[in-house]
């Protein structure tokens, strides 16, 4: 009977625990954010220029143009990427929407 090496068993457990509990960073504007990700939107100065998200680390908003050709589509089922140029979108601090 072959007994498992204690060190290899400990290493296997360590790899499992690291994989199960290690935080994977979320990224959007190339600034990685720790999980769970949250964003406080109370600061109206985060977005001051149209279509510029640089002051909001980890977030970029897109129009999502031409991702579907029908209406009333569940957004969770839309898995493609827009091929429309300049799809990044945000309108800052509008008083008349």
C-alpha atoms as a PDB file:
ATOM      1  CA  UNK A   1       0.000   0.000   0.000  1.00  0.00           C
ATOM      2  CA  UNK A   2       1.317   3.435  -0.981  1.00  0.00           C
ATOM      3  CA  UNK A   3       0.771   6.217   1.523  1.00  0.00           C
ATOM      4  CA  UNK A   4       0.415   9.766   0.242  1.00  0.00           C
ATOM      5  CA  UNK A   5       3.210  12.139   1.098  1.00  0.00           C
ATOM      6  CA  UNK A   6       2.146  14.604   3.811  1.00  0.00           C
ATOM      7  CA  UNK A   7       3.765  17.510   1.992  1.00  0.00           C
ATOM      8  CA  UNK A   8       1.981  16.798  -1.276  1.00  0.00           C
ATOM      9  CA  UNK A   9      -1.357  16.474   0.532  1.00  0.00           C
ATOM     10  CA  UNK A  10      -0.767  19.796   2.327  1.00  0.00           C
ATOM     11  CA  UNK A  11       0.213  21.453  -0.956  1.00  0.00           C
ATOM     12  CA  UNK A  12      -2.926  20.134  -2.627  1.00  0.00           C
ATOM     13  CA  UNK A  13      -5.089  21.485   0.191  1.00  0.00           C
ATOM     14  CA  UNK A  14      -3.315  24.862   0.033  1.00  0.00           C
ATOM     15  CA  UNK A  15      -3.889  25.105  -3.728  1.00  0.00           C
ATOM     16  CA  UNK A  16      -7.569  24.281  -3.237  1.00  0.00           C
ATOM     17  CA  UNK A  17      -7.987  26.882  -0.482  1.00  0.00           C
ATOM     18  CA  UNK A  18      -6.211  29.578  -2.496  1.00  0.00           C
ATOM     19  CA  UNK A  19      -8.400  28.861  -5.483  1.00  0.00           C
ATOM     20  CA  UNK A  20     -11.546  28.889  -3.395  1.00  0.00           C
ATOM     21  CA  UNK A  21     -10.851  32.023  -1.364  1.00  0.00           C
ATOM     22  CA  UNK A  22      -8.479  34.202  -3.393  1.00  0.00           C
ATOM     23  CA  UNK A  23     -10.086  37.454  -4.573  1.00  0.00           C
ATOM     24  CA  UNK A  24     -10.059  37.925  -8.301  1.00  0.00           C
ATOM     25  CA  UNK A  25      -9.800  41.577  -9.320  1.00  0.00           C
ATOM     26  CA  UNK A  26     -12.519  43.120 -11.467  1.00  0.00           C
ATOM     27  CA  UNK A  27     -11.359  45.537 -14.110  1.00  0.00           C
ATOM     28  CA  UNK A  28     -12.934  47.805 -16.655  1.00  0.00           C
ATOM     29  CA  UNK A  29     -10.867  50.911 -17.250  1.00  0.00           C
ATOM     30  CA  UNK A  30      -7.673  48.931 -16.582  1.00  0.00           C
ATOM     31  CA  UNK A  31      -7.742  49.839 -12.886  1.00  0.00           C
ATOM     32  CA  UNK A  32      -8.342  46.571 -11.056  1.00  0.00           C
ATOM     33  CA  UNK A  33     -10.811  46.708  -8.181  1.00  0.00           C
ATOM     34  CA  UNK A  34     -11.075  44.173  -5.359  1.00  0.00           C
ATOM     35  CA  UNK A  35     -14.153  42.003  -5.068  1.00  0.00           C
ATOM     36  CA  UNK A  36     -16.832  42.427  -3.955  1.00  0.00           C
ATOM     37  CA  UNK A  37     -16.913  45.537  -6.123  1.00  0.00           C
ATOM     38  CA  UNK A  38     -18.987  48.535  -5.060  1.00  0.00           C
ATOM     39  CA  UNK A  39     -19.186  52.085  -6.376  1.00  0.00           C
ATOM     40  CA  UNK A  40     -20.411  55.107  -4.422  1.00  0.00           C
ATOM     41  CA  UNK A  41     -22.130  57.438  -6.913  1.00  0.00           C
ATOM     42  CA  UNK A  42     -22.843  60.291  -4.440  1.00  0.00           C
ATOM     43  CA  UNK A  43     -19.896  62.350  -5.790  1.00  0.00           C
ATOM     44  CA  UNK A  44     -21.230  64.197  -8.851  1.00  0.00           C
ATOM     45  CA  UNK A  45     -17.667  65.115  -9.860  1.00  0.00           C
ATOM     46  CA  UNK A  46     -16.807  61.530 -10.825  1.00  0.00           C
ATOM     47  CA  UNK A  47     -18.128  62.158 -14.319  1.00  0.00           C
ATOM     48  CA  UNK A  48     -17.786  65.712 -15.620  1.00  0.00           C
ATOM     49  CA  UNK A  49     -17.092  65.183 -19.330  1.00  0.00           C
ATOM     50  CA  UNK A  50     -19.310  63.366 -21.806  1.00  0.00           C
ATOM     51  CA  UNK A  51     -18.155  59.802 -22.534  1.00  0.00           C
ATOM     52  CA  UNK A  52     -15.164  59.962 -20.146  1.00  0.00           C
ATOM     53  CA  UNK A  53     -15.032  57.399 -17.320  1.00  0.00           C
ATOM     54  CA  UNK A  54     -11.428  57.928 -16.139  1.00  0.00           C
ATOM     55  CA  UNK A  55     -12.453  59.212 -12.680  1.00  0.00           C
ATOM     56  CA  UNK A  56     -14.436  56.051 -11.936  1.00  0.00           C
ATOM     57  CA  UNK A  57     -11.861  53.266 -11.431  1.00  0.00           C
ATOM     58  CA  UNK A  58     -13.021  49.882 -12.654  1.00  0.00           C
ATOM     59  CA  UNK A  59     -16.100  51.145 -14.542  1.00  0.00           C
ATOM     60  CA  UNK A  60     -16.821  51.957 -18.177  1.00  0.00           C
ATOM     61  CA  UNK A  61     -20.321  52.398 -19.574  1.00  0.00           C
ATOM     62  CA  UNK A  62     -21.283  51.436 -23.115  1.00  0.00           C
ATOM     63  CA  UNK A  63     -24.307  52.193 -25.272  1.00  0.00           C
ATOM     64  CA  UNK A  64     -24.439  48.592 -26.457  1.00  0.00           C
ATOM     65  CA  UNK A  65     -25.450  49.563 -29.966  1.00  0.00           C
ATOM     66  CA  UNK A  66     -26.597  46.879 -32.400  1.00  0.00           C
ATOM     67  CA  UNK A  67     -26.302  44.041 -29.879  1.00  0.00           C
ATOM     68  CA  UNK A  68     -29.822  42.881 -30.630  1.00  0.00           C
ATOM     69  CA  UNK A  69     -32.294  43.547 -33.412  1.00  0.00           C
ATOM     70  CA  UNK A  70     -35.454  43.141 -31.316  1.00  0.00           C
ATOM     71  CA  UNK A  71     -37.041  44.880 -28.342  1.00  0.00           C
ATOM     72  CA  UNK A  72     -37.750  43.573 -24.831  1.00  0.00           C
ATOM     73  CA  UNK A  73     -34.618  41.419 -24.721  1.00  0.00           C
ATOM     74  CA  UNK A  74     -33.388  40.316 -21.296  1.00  0.00           C
ATOM     75  CA  UNK A  75     -29.997  42.095 -20.982  1.00  0.00           C
ATOM     76  CA  UNK A  76     -28.575  39.054 -19.180  1.00  0.00           C
ATOM     77  CA  UNK A  77     -28.885  37.097 -22.419  1.00  0.00           C
ATOM     78  CA  UNK A  78     -26.998  39.647 -24.570  1.00  0.00           C
ATOM     79  CA  UNK A  79     -23.472  38.241 -24.661  1.00  0.00           C
ATOM     80  CA  UNK A  80     -21.901  39.912 -27.696  1.00  0.00           C
ATOM     81  CA  UNK A  81     -19.747  43.004 -27.945  1.00  0.00           C
ATOM     82  CA  UNK A  82     -20.658  46.101 -29.875  1.00  0.00           C
ATOM     83  CA  UNK A  83     -18.687  46.615 -33.069  1.00  0.00           C
ATOM     84  CA  UNK A  84     -19.807  50.240 -33.313  1.00  0.00           C
ATOM     85  CA  UNK A  85     -16.931  52.694 -32.968  1.00  0.00           C
ATOM     86  CA  UNK A  86     -17.044  54.995 -29.932  1.00  0.00           C
ATOM     87  CA  UNK A  87     -19.592  52.907 -28.046  1.00  0.00           C
ATOM     88  CA  UNK A  88     -18.373  54.262 -24.660  1.00  0.00           C
ATOM     89  CA  UNK A  89     -21.112  56.500 -23.280  1.00  0.00           C
ATOM     90  CA  UNK A  90     -22.008  58.684 -20.302  1.00  0.00           C
ATOM     91  CA  UNK A  91     -23.795  62.019 -19.998  1.00  0.00           C
ATOM     92  CA  UNK A  92     -22.507  64.037 -17.024  1.00  0.00           C
ATOM     93  CA  UNK A  93     -24.603  65.971 -14.520  1.00  0.00           C
ATOM     94  CA  UNK A  94     -27.546  66.819 -16.726  1.00  0.00           C
ATOM     95  CA  UNK A  95     -30.145  69.073 -15.171  1.00  0.00           C
ATOM     96  CA  UNK A  96     -32.646  68.493 -17.970  1.00  0.00           C
ATOM     97  CA  UNK A  97     -32.695  64.842 -19.005  1.00  0.00           C
END
